[in-house]
C-alpha atoms as a PDB file:
ATOM      1  CA  MET A   1     -22.684  -1.043  29.378  1.00  0.00           C
ATOM      2  CA  ALA A   2     -22.028   2.619  30.165  1.00  0.00           C
ATOM      3  CA  GLU A   3     -22.117   4.980  27.203  1.00  0.00           C
ATOM      4  CA  GLY A   4     -18.665   5.825  25.900  1.00  0.00           C
ATOM      5  CA  THR A   5     -16.943   2.869  27.569  1.00  0.00           C
ATOM      6  CA  PHE A   6     -14.488   2.595  24.663  1.00  0.00           C
ATOM      7  CA  ALA A   7     -13.961   6.316  24.043  1.00  0.00           C
ATOM      8  CA  GLY A   8     -10.429   6.913  22.805  1.00  0.00           C
ATOM      9  CA  ARG A   9      -9.749   3.199  22.308  1.00  0.00           C
ATOM     10  CA  GLY A  10      -8.253   1.767  19.140  1.00  0.00           C
ATOM     11  CA  VAL A  11     -10.023  -1.296  17.739  1.00  0.00           C
ATOM     12  CA  ILE A  12      -9.452  -3.554  14.733  1.00  0.00           C
ATOM     13  CA  VAL A  13     -12.345  -5.704  13.482  1.00  0.00           C
ATOM     14  CA  THR A  14     -11.718  -8.106  10.606  1.00  0.00           C
ATOM     15  CA  GLY A  15     -14.541  -9.271   8.371  1.00  0.00           C
ATOM     16  CA  ALA A  16     -16.229  -5.932   9.025  1.00  0.00           C
ATOM     17  CA  GLY A  17     -17.739  -5.547   5.566  1.00  0.00           C
ATOM     18  CA  ALA A  18     -21.055  -7.231   6.398  1.00  0.00           C
ATOM     19  CA  GLY A  19     -23.035  -9.273   8.924  1.00  0.00           C
ATOM     20  CA  ILE A  20     -21.583  -9.946  12.355  1.00  0.00           C
ATOM     21  CA  GLY A  21     -18.389  -7.998  11.704  1.00  0.00           C
ATOM     22  CA  ARG A  22     -20.338  -4.934  10.635  1.00  0.00           C
ATOM     23  CA  GLY A  23     -22.433  -5.146  13.795  1.00  0.00           C
ATOM     24  CA  ILE A  24     -19.316  -5.411  15.964  1.00  0.00           C
ATOM     25  CA  ALA A  25     -17.641  -2.446  14.285  1.00  0.00           C
ATOM     26  CA  GLY A  26     -20.765  -0.329  14.746  1.00  0.00           C
ATOM     27  CA  ALA A  27     -21.119  -1.268  18.403  1.00  0.00           C
ATOM     28  CA  PHE A  28     -17.564  -0.167  19.180  1.00  0.00           C
ATOM     29  CA  ALA A  29     -18.056   3.082  17.253  1.00  0.00           C
ATOM     30  CA  HIS A  30     -21.260   3.737  19.222  1.00  0.00           C
ATOM     31  CA  GLN A  31     -19.184   3.441  22.386  1.00  0.00           C
ATOM     32  CA  GLY A  32     -16.696   6.029  21.148  1.00  0.00           C
ATOM     33  CA  ALA A  33     -13.895   3.858  19.784  1.00  0.00           C
ATOM     34  CA  THR A  34     -11.853   4.491  16.668  1.00  0.00           C
ATOM     35  CA  VAL A  35     -12.456   1.318  14.670  1.00  0.00           C
ATOM     36  CA  VAL A  36     -10.462   0.017  11.733  1.00  0.00           C
ATOM     37  CA  GLY A  37     -12.956  -2.119   9.845  1.00  0.00           C
ATOM     38  CA  VAL A  38     -11.070  -4.614   7.701  1.00  0.00           C
ATOM     39  CA  ASP A  39     -12.493  -6.691   4.885  1.00  0.00           C
ATOM     40  CA  ILE A  40     -11.195  -8.377   1.746  1.00  0.00           C
ATOM     41  CA  ASN A  41     -14.178  -6.662   0.118  1.00  0.00           C
ATOM     42  CA  ALA A  42     -13.011  -3.060   0.345  1.00  0.00           C
ATOM     43  CA  ASP A  43     -16.395  -1.774  -0.844  1.00  0.00           C
ATOM     44  CA  GLY A  44     -18.129  -3.623   1.983  1.00  0.00           C
ATOM     45  CA  ALA A  45     -15.730  -2.114   4.523  1.00  0.00           C
ATOM     46  CA  ALA A  46     -16.368   1.341   3.063  1.00  0.00           C
ATOM     47  CA  GLU A  47     -20.133   0.810   3.357  1.00  0.00           C
ATOM     48  CA  THR A  48     -19.695  -0.118   7.034  1.00  0.00           C
ATOM     49  CA  ALA A  49     -17.753   3.090   7.617  1.00  0.00           C
ATOM     50  CA  ARG A  50     -20.500   5.088   5.877  1.00  0.00           C
ATOM     51  CA  LEU A  51     -23.295   3.456   7.889  1.00  0.00           C
ATOM     52  CA  PHE A  52     -21.727   4.410  11.215  1.00  0.00           C
ATOM     53  CA  ALA A  53     -20.430   7.853  10.272  1.00  0.00           C
ATOM     54  CA  GLU A  54     -22.729   9.554  12.812  1.00  0.00           C
ATOM     55  CA  GLU A  55     -21.661   7.527  15.846  1.00  0.00           C
ATOM     56  CA  ARG A  56     -19.583   8.879  18.748  1.00  0.00           C
ATOM     57  CA  GLY A  57     -16.526   7.105  17.422  1.00  0.00           C
ATOM     58  CA  THR A  58     -15.252   6.473  13.919  1.00  0.00           C
ATOM     59  CA  VAL A  59     -15.058   3.506  11.567  1.00  0.00           C
ATOM     60  CA  VAL A  60     -12.216   3.651   9.061  1.00  0.00           C
ATOM     61  CA  ALA A  61     -12.349   1.179   6.165  1.00  0.00           C
ATOM     62  CA  VAL A  62      -9.302  -0.871   5.227  1.00  0.00           C
ATOM     63  CA  GLY A  63      -9.254  -3.439   2.454  1.00  0.00           C
ATOM     64  CA  GLY A  64      -7.070  -6.418   3.305  1.00  0.00           C
ATOM     65  CA  ASP A  65      -6.689 -10.191   3.225  1.00  0.00           C
ATOM     66  CA  VAL A  66      -5.875 -12.009   6.468  1.00  0.00           C
ATOM     67  CA  ALA A  67      -5.032 -15.222   4.598  1.00  0.00           C
ATOM     68  CA  THR A  68      -1.449 -14.158   3.855  1.00  0.00           C
ATOM     69  CA  SER A  69       1.389 -12.708   5.908  1.00  0.00           C
ATOM     70  CA  GLY A  70       1.751  -9.875   3.409  1.00  0.00           C
ATOM     71  CA  GLY A  71      -1.934  -9.102   3.735  1.00  0.00           C
ATOM     72  CA  VAL A  72      -1.698  -8.896   7.513  1.00  0.00           C
ATOM     73  CA  GLU A  73       1.371  -6.666   7.315  1.00  0.00           C
ATOM     74  CA  HIS A  74      -0.618  -4.337   5.066  1.00  0.00           C
ATOM     75  CA  ILE A  75      -3.590  -4.361   7.463  1.00  0.00           C
ATOM     76  CA  LEU A  76      -1.446  -3.533  10.477  1.00  0.00           C
ATOM     77  CA  ARG A  77       0.412  -0.797   8.618  1.00  0.00           C
ATOM     78  CA  GLU A  78      -2.839   0.817   7.486  1.00  0.00           C
ATOM     79  CA  ALA A  79      -4.438   0.432  10.921  1.00  0.00           C
ATOM     80  CA  LEU A  80      -1.576   2.240  12.616  1.00  0.00           C
ATOM     81  CA  ARG A  81      -2.047   5.174  10.264  1.00  0.00           C
ATOM     82  CA  HIS A  82      -5.363   5.769  12.052  1.00  0.00           C
ATOM     83  CA  LEU A  83      -4.786   4.424  15.573  1.00  0.00           C
ATOM     84  CA  ASP A  84      -2.408   5.729  18.218  1.00  0.00           C
ATOM     85  CA  ARG A  85      -2.443   2.234  19.666  1.00  0.00           C
ATOM     86  CA  ILE A  86      -4.396  -0.991  19.370  1.00  0.00           C
ATOM     87  CA  ASP A  87      -6.434  -1.810  22.458  1.00  0.00           C
ATOM     88  CA  VAL A  88      -8.773  -4.442  20.989  1.00  0.00           C
ATOM     89  CA  LEU A  89      -8.511  -6.926  18.122  1.00  0.00           C
ATOM     90  CA  VAL A  90     -11.597  -8.828  16.971  1.00  0.00           C
ATOM     91  CA  ASN A  91     -10.879 -11.665  14.540  1.00  0.00           C
ATOM     92  CA  ASN A  92     -14.128 -12.208  12.679  1.00  0.00           C
ATOM     93  CA  ALA A  93     -13.022 -12.757   9.063  1.00  0.00           C
ATOM     94  CA  GLY A  94     -14.054 -16.159   7.762  1.00  0.00           C
ATOM     95  CA  VAL A  95     -15.335 -18.198   4.829  1.00  0.00           C
ATOM     96  CA  TYR A  96     -17.644 -21.206   4.920  1.00  0.00           C
ATOM     97  CA  PRO A  97     -18.122 -23.158   1.683  1.00  0.00           C
ATOM     98  CA  ASN A  98     -19.822 -26.546   1.857  1.00  0.00           C
ATOM     99  CA  CYS A  99     -18.349 -29.732   0.392  1.00  0.00           C
ATOM    100  CA  PRO A 100     -18.010 -33.406   1.417  1.00  0.00           C
ATOM    101  CA  VAL A 101     -14.449 -34.504   2.169  1.00  0.00           C
ATOM    102  CA  VAL A 102     -14.307 -37.064  -0.658  1.00  0.00           C
ATOM    103  CA  GLU A 103     -15.184 -34.358  -3.191  1.00  0.00           C
ATOM    104  CA  MET A 104     -13.152 -31.516  -1.713  1.00  0.00           C
ATOM    105  CA  PRO A 105     -10.256 -30.073  -3.719  1.00  0.00           C
ATOM    106  CA  ASP A 106      -7.096 -29.078  -1.884  1.00  0.00           C
ATOM    107  CA  GLU A 107      -7.682 -25.467  -2.831  1.00  0.00           C
ATOM    108  CA  GLN A 108     -10.969 -25.266  -0.911  1.00  0.00           C
ATOM    109  CA  TRP A 109      -9.503 -26.865   2.220  1.00  0.00           C
ATOM    110  CA  ASP A 110      -6.496 -24.548   2.087  1.00  0.00           C
ATOM    111  CA  CYS A 111      -8.648 -21.443   1.561  1.00  0.00           C
ATOM    112  CA  VAL A 112     -10.823 -22.135   4.611  1.00  0.00           C
ATOM    113  CA  ILE A 113      -7.960 -23.093   6.918  1.00  0.00           C
ATOM    114  CA  GLU A 114      -5.713 -20.235   5.795  1.00  0.00           C
ATOM    115  CA  THR A 115      -8.486 -17.643   6.093  1.00  0.00           C
ATOM    116  CA  ASN A 116     -10.287 -18.754   9.250  1.00  0.00           C
ATOM    117  CA  LEU A 117      -7.529 -20.296  11.354  1.00  0.00           C
ATOM    118  CA  GLY A 118      -4.403 -18.963   9.661  1.00  0.00           C
ATOM    119  CA  GLY A 119      -5.836 -15.465   9.466  1.00  0.00           C
ATOM    120  CA  THR A 120      -6.710 -15.510  13.157  1.00  0.00           C
ATOM    121  CA  PHE A 121      -3.210 -16.741  13.996  1.00  0.00           C
ATOM    122  CA  ARG A 122      -1.473 -14.125  11.854  1.00  0.00           C
ATOM    123  CA  MET A 123      -3.583 -11.241  13.152  1.00  0.00           C
ATOM    124  CA  CYS A 124      -3.126 -12.367  16.760  1.00  0.00           C
ATOM    125  CA  ARG A 125       0.631 -12.643  16.291  1.00  0.00           C
ATOM    126  CA  ALA A 126       0.968  -9.234  14.638  1.00  0.00           C
ATOM    127  CA  VAL A 127      -1.236  -7.366  17.104  1.00  0.00           C
ATOM    128  CA  ALA A 128       0.171  -9.147  20.168  1.00  0.00           C
ATOM    129  CA  ARG A 129       3.676  -8.140  19.102  1.00  0.00           C
ATOM    130  CA  HIS A 130       2.497  -4.544  18.793  1.00  0.00           C
ATOM    131  CA  MET A 131       0.766  -4.610  22.186  1.00  0.00           C
ATOM    132  CA  ILE A 132       3.818  -6.099  23.886  1.00  0.00           C
ATOM    133  CA  GLU A 133       6.133  -3.549  22.271  1.00  0.00           C
ATOM    134  CA  ARG A 134       3.868  -0.676  23.334  1.00  0.00           C
ATOM    135  CA  GLY A 135       3.166  -2.121  26.779  1.00  0.00           C
ATOM    136  CA  THR A 136      -0.566  -2.071  26.045  1.00  0.00           C
ATOM    137  CA  ALA A 137      -2.888  -4.113  28.254  1.00  0.00           C
ATOM    138  CA  GLY A 138      -5.253  -5.266  25.553  1.00  0.00           C
ATOM    139  CA  HIS A 139      -8.016  -7.620  24.505  1.00  0.00           C
ATOM    140  CA  ILE A 140      -8.191 -10.108  21.651  1.00  0.00           C
ATOM    141  CA  VAL A 141     -11.583 -11.628  20.873  1.00  0.00           C
ATOM    142  CA  ASN A 142     -11.718 -14.442  18.326  1.00  0.00           C
ATOM    143  CA  ILE A 143     -15.029 -15.335  16.702  1.00  0.00           C
ATOM    144  CA  ALA A 144     -15.732 -19.057  16.521  1.00  0.00           C
ATOM    145  CA  SER A 145     -19.026 -20.871  15.846  1.00  0.00           C
ATOM    146  CA  GLY A 146     -20.967 -23.779  17.253  1.00  0.00           C
ATOM    147  CA  ALA A 147     -18.979 -25.736  14.652  1.00  0.00           C
ATOM    148  CA  TYR A 148     -16.026 -25.761  17.058  1.00  0.00           C
ATOM    149  CA  LYS A 149     -17.767 -28.501  19.045  1.00  0.00           C
ATOM    150  CA  SER A 150     -20.544 -29.821  16.783  1.00  0.00           C
ATOM    151  CA  ALA A 151     -19.692 -31.566  13.505  1.00  0.00           C
ATOM    152  CA  ARG A 152     -21.851 -31.365  10.419  1.00  0.00           C
ATOM    153  CA  ARG A 153     -21.630 -32.851   6.952  1.00  0.00           C
ATOM    154  CA  GLY A 154     -19.915 -30.755   4.335  1.00  0.00           C
ATOM    155  CA  ALA A 155     -18.081 -28.586   6.850  1.00  0.00           C
ATOM    156  CA  SER A 156     -14.927 -30.518   7.738  1.00  0.00           C
ATOM    157  CA  HIS A 157     -12.678 -27.568   6.909  1.00  0.00           C
ATOM    158  CA  TYR A 158     -14.936 -25.043   8.665  1.00  0.00           C
ATOM    159  CA  CYS A 159     -15.373 -27.173  11.797  1.00  0.00           C
ATOM    160  CA  ALA A 160     -11.636 -27.870  11.955  1.00  0.00           C
ATOM    161  CA  SER A 161     -10.840 -24.167  11.587  1.00  0.00           C
ATOM    162  CA  LYS A 162     -13.229 -23.121  14.359  1.00  0.00           C
ATOM    163  CA  ALA A 163     -12.040 -25.859  16.726  1.00  0.00           C
ATOM    164  CA  GLY A 164      -8.493 -24.705  16.006  1.00  0.00           C
ATOM    165  CA  ILE A 165      -9.411 -21.115  16.830  1.00  0.00           C
ATOM    166  CA  VAL A 166     -10.661 -22.177  20.251  1.00  0.00           C
ATOM    167  CA  MET A 167      -7.474 -24.044  21.114  1.00  0.00           C
ATOM    168  CA  LEU A 168      -5.279 -21.281  19.662  1.00  0.00           C
ATOM    169  CA  THR A 169      -7.139 -18.865  21.935  1.00  0.00           C
ATOM    170  CA  LYS A 170      -6.540 -20.971  25.024  1.00  0.00           C
ATOM    171  CA  VAL A 171      -2.806 -21.230  24.310  1.00  0.00           C
ATOM    172  CA  LEU A 172      -2.512 -17.502  23.614  1.00  0.00           C
ATOM    173  CA  ALA A 173      -4.393 -16.698  26.815  1.00  0.00           C
ATOM    174  CA  GLN A 174      -1.647 -18.502  28.735  1.00  0.00           C
ATOM    175  CA  GLU A 175       1.232 -17.043  26.750  1.00  0.00           C
ATOM    176  CA  LEU A 176       0.011 -13.442  26.825  1.00  0.00           C
ATOM    177  CA  ALA A 177      -1.244 -13.217  30.406  1.00  0.00           C
ATOM    178  CA  GLU A 178       2.106 -11.914  31.629  1.00  0.00           C
ATOM    179  CA  HIS A 179       1.677  -9.021  29.199  1.00  0.00           C
ATOM    180  CA  ARG A 180      -1.845  -8.268  30.526  1.00  0.00           C
ATOM    181  CA  ILE A 181      -3.446  -9.247  27.224  1.00  0.00           C
ATOM    182  CA  HIS A 182      -6.776 -11.061  27.481  1.00  0.00           C
ATOM    183  CA  VAL A 183      -7.628 -13.593  24.755  1.00  0.00           C
ATOM    184  CA  ASN A 184     -11.151 -14.993  24.549  1.00  0.00           C
ATOM    185  CA  VAL A 185     -13.677 -16.500  22.145  1.00  0.00           C
ATOM    186  CA  VAL A 186     -17.232 -15.454  21.341  1.00  0.00           C
ATOM    187  CA  SER A 187     -19.051 -18.289  19.582  1.00  0.00           C
ATOM    188  CA  PRO A 188     -22.224 -17.301  17.694  1.00  0.00           C
ATOM    189  CA  GLY A 189     -25.058 -19.657  16.981  1.00  0.00           C
ATOM    190  CA  LEU A 190     -27.475 -19.204  14.077  1.00  0.00           C
ATOM    191  CA  ILE A 191     -27.384 -15.467  13.312  1.00  0.00           C
ATOM    192  CA  ASP A 192     -29.567 -13.530  10.895  1.00  0.00           C
ATOM    193  CA  VAL A 193     -27.068 -11.690   8.710  1.00  0.00           C
ATOM    194  CA  GLY A 194     -29.538 -10.859   5.972  1.00  0.00           C
ATOM    195  CA  ARG A 195     -28.338 -13.335   3.333  1.00  0.00           C
ATOM    196  CA  ARG A 196     -31.315 -15.395   2.172  1.00  0.00           C
ATOM    197  CA  GLY A 197     -30.055 -17.137  -0.954  1.00  0.00           C
ATOM    198  CA  ASP A 198     -26.939 -18.931   0.272  1.00  0.00           C
ATOM    199  CA  VAL A 199     -28.420 -21.051   3.095  1.00  0.00           C
ATOM    200  CA  ASN A 200     -30.426 -24.217   2.512  1.00  0.00           C
ATOM    201  CA  PRO A 201     -33.894 -23.508   4.023  1.00  0.00           C
ATOM    202  CA  ALA A 202     -34.120 -27.072   5.387  1.00  0.00           C
ATOM    203  CA  TYR A 203     -30.773 -26.566   7.147  1.00  0.00           C
ATOM    204  CA  LYS A 204     -31.974 -23.324   8.748  1.00  0.00           C
ATOM    205  CA  ASP A 205     -35.341 -24.776   9.763  1.00  0.00           C
ATOM    206  CA  THR A 206     -33.669 -27.809  11.348  1.00  0.00           C
ATOM    207  CA  LEU A 207     -31.330 -25.584  13.342  1.00  0.00           C
ATOM    208  CA  LEU A 208     -34.207 -23.397  14.489  1.00  0.00           C
ATOM    209  CA  ARG A 209     -35.915 -26.433  16.013  1.00  0.00           C
ATOM    210  CA  ASN A 210     -32.883 -26.878  18.261  1.00  0.00           C
ATOM    211  CA  ILE A 211     -32.828 -23.319  19.625  1.00  0.00           C
ATOM    212  CA  PRO A 212     -34.661 -23.074  22.979  1.00  0.00           C
ATOM    213  CA  TRP A 213     -35.029 -19.313  22.494  1.00  0.00           C
ATOM    214  CA  GLY A 214     -36.974 -20.075  19.327  1.00  0.00           C
ATOM    215  CA  ARG A 215     -35.373 -17.602  16.930  1.00  0.00           C
ATOM    216  CA  MET A 216     -32.210 -16.625  15.099  1.00  0.00           C
ATOM    217  CA  GLY A 217     -29.811 -14.266  16.815  1.00  0.00           C
ATOM    218  CA  GLU A 218     -28.929 -10.774  15.633  1.00  0.00           C
ATOM    219  CA  PRO A 219     -25.453  -9.360  14.874  1.00  0.00           C
ATOM    220  CA  ALA A 220     -26.038  -6.769  17.618  1.00  0.00           C
ATOM    221  CA  GLU A 221     -26.323  -9.571  20.184  1.00  0.00           C
ATOM    222  CA  ILE A 222     -22.942 -10.951  19.173  1.00  0.00           C
ATOM    223  CA  ALA A 223     -21.529  -7.427  19.272  1.00  0.00           C
ATOM    224  CA  GLN A 224     -22.675  -6.954  22.875  1.00  0.00           C
ATOM    225  CA  ALA A 225     -20.880 -10.150  23.892  1.00  0.00           C
ATOM    226  CA  VAL A 226     -17.707  -8.930  22.187  1.00  0.00           C
ATOM    227  CA  LEU A 227     -17.982  -5.565  23.958  1.00  0.00           C
ATOM    228  CA  PHE A 228     -18.258  -7.357  27.290  1.00  0.00           C
ATOM    229  CA  MET A 229     -15.230  -9.547  26.553  1.00  0.00           C
ATOM    230  CA  SER A 230     -13.248  -6.408  25.623  1.00  0.00           C
ATOM    231  CA  SER A 231     -14.270  -4.357  28.648  1.00  0.00           C
ATOM    232  CA  PRO A 232     -13.062  -3.908  32.244  1.00  0.00           C
ATOM    233  CA  ALA A 233     -16.039  -6.035  33.292  1.00  0.00           C
ATOM    234  CA  ALA A 234     -14.136  -9.056  31.901  1.00  0.00           C
ATOM    235  CA  SER A 235     -10.881  -8.255  33.686  1.00  0.00           C
ATOM    236  CA  TYR A 236     -10.654 -11.766  35.179  1.00  0.00           C
ATOM    237  CA  VAL A 237     -11.756 -13.615  32.036  1.00  0.00           C
ATOM    238  CA  THR A 238      -9.219 -15.100  29.646  1.00  0.00           C
ATOM    239  CA  GLY A 239      -9.036 -18.314  27.646  1.00  0.00           C
ATOM    240  CA  ALA A 240     -12.833 -18.567  27.824  1.00  0.00           C
ATOM    241  CA  VAL A 241     -15.484 -19.417  25.247  1.00  0.00           C
ATOM    242  CA  LEU A 242     -18.760 -17.505  25.432  1.00  0.00           C
ATOM    243  CA  ASP A 243     -21.511 -19.259  23.455  1.00  0.00           C
ATOM    244  CA  VAL A 244     -24.133 -16.806  22.199  1.00  0.00           C
ATOM    245  CA  ASP A 245     -26.552 -19.221  20.585  1.00  0.00           C
ATOM    246  CA  GLY A 246     -29.987 -19.014  22.202  1.00  0.00           C
ATOM    247  CA  GLY A 247     -29.231 -22.215  24.088  1.00  0.00           C
ATOM    248  CA  SER A 248     -28.730 -24.438  21.040  1.00  0.00           C
ATOM    249  CA  GLY A 249     -25.305 -25.595  22.215  1.00  0.00           C
ATOM    250  CA  GLY A 250     -26.753 -27.069  25.383  1.00  0.00           C
ATOM    251  CA  GLY A 251     -28.087 -30.265  23.860  1.00  0.00           C
ATOM    252  CA  ARG A 252     -30.784 -31.837  21.701  1.00  0.00           C
ATOM    253  CA  PHE A 253     -33.694 -29.478  22.315  1.00  0.00           C
ATOM    254  CA  PHE A 254     -35.565 -30.897  19.306  1.00  0.00           C
ATOM    255  CA  LEU A 255     -36.152 -34.217  21.121  1.00  0.00           C
ATOM    256  CA  PRO A 256     -39.486 -34.790  22.925  1.00  0.00           C
ATOM    257  CA  TYR A 257     -39.586 -35.825  26.568  1.00  0.00           C
ATOM    258  CA  SER A 258     -38.366 -39.407  26.829  1.00  0.00           C
ATOM    259  CA  ARG A 259     -41.347 -40.520  28.981  1.00  0.00           C
ATOM    260  CA  GLY A 260     -44.984 -39.727  29.182  1.00  0.00           C
END
């Protein structure tokens, strides 16, 4: 992608305090955008802004919670203090606890659905209203996961939220096309976000055996997919899901050849 592709553009990235969100925020700043990096962990968002202070663009930290309407109103209000307009929204904020359905308390289900799916809905609604009012031809990129199409034990709430994000995206792509607003999904596979203690090693090793590319992905690789989906190069792409997973979503790579 040409240097400075997003110069002068206004971008909001949620979940920007670490991992994939931090990588996305930095990639937009490198391309010259003014980025509002949102995270419920305000210190994490501030660290992201500090890390990318020398880029062509700027990352401004905003603490905020996408799980409530009041939180989203606060995020939008703070974002518009720094942005002349919003050209790109990236919904990356998410939580992913692990619990079997028969043991799951209501509070955990509600937290995951309200943060992952509800937060994406509320941010899309707020930013789409702003884009329509301003007449901005914009891009919304929602971050899913291979969980949108592949179930796993302990992740009923997470899988349901990511599947919901995909269908929400497809509906919004139809509803917002007349306003020249693209809505797409980038779906990461197993990504190395630097957290070693919160993932079962057997879970990670099993997933690695099903990745044809033979390794975990990097946040920068997800960021490049998001940049593409937000760029003029994707002018005829909307309602689409781009899997960035090293091929793991293609099938059961861990199986041997069935004959011979």
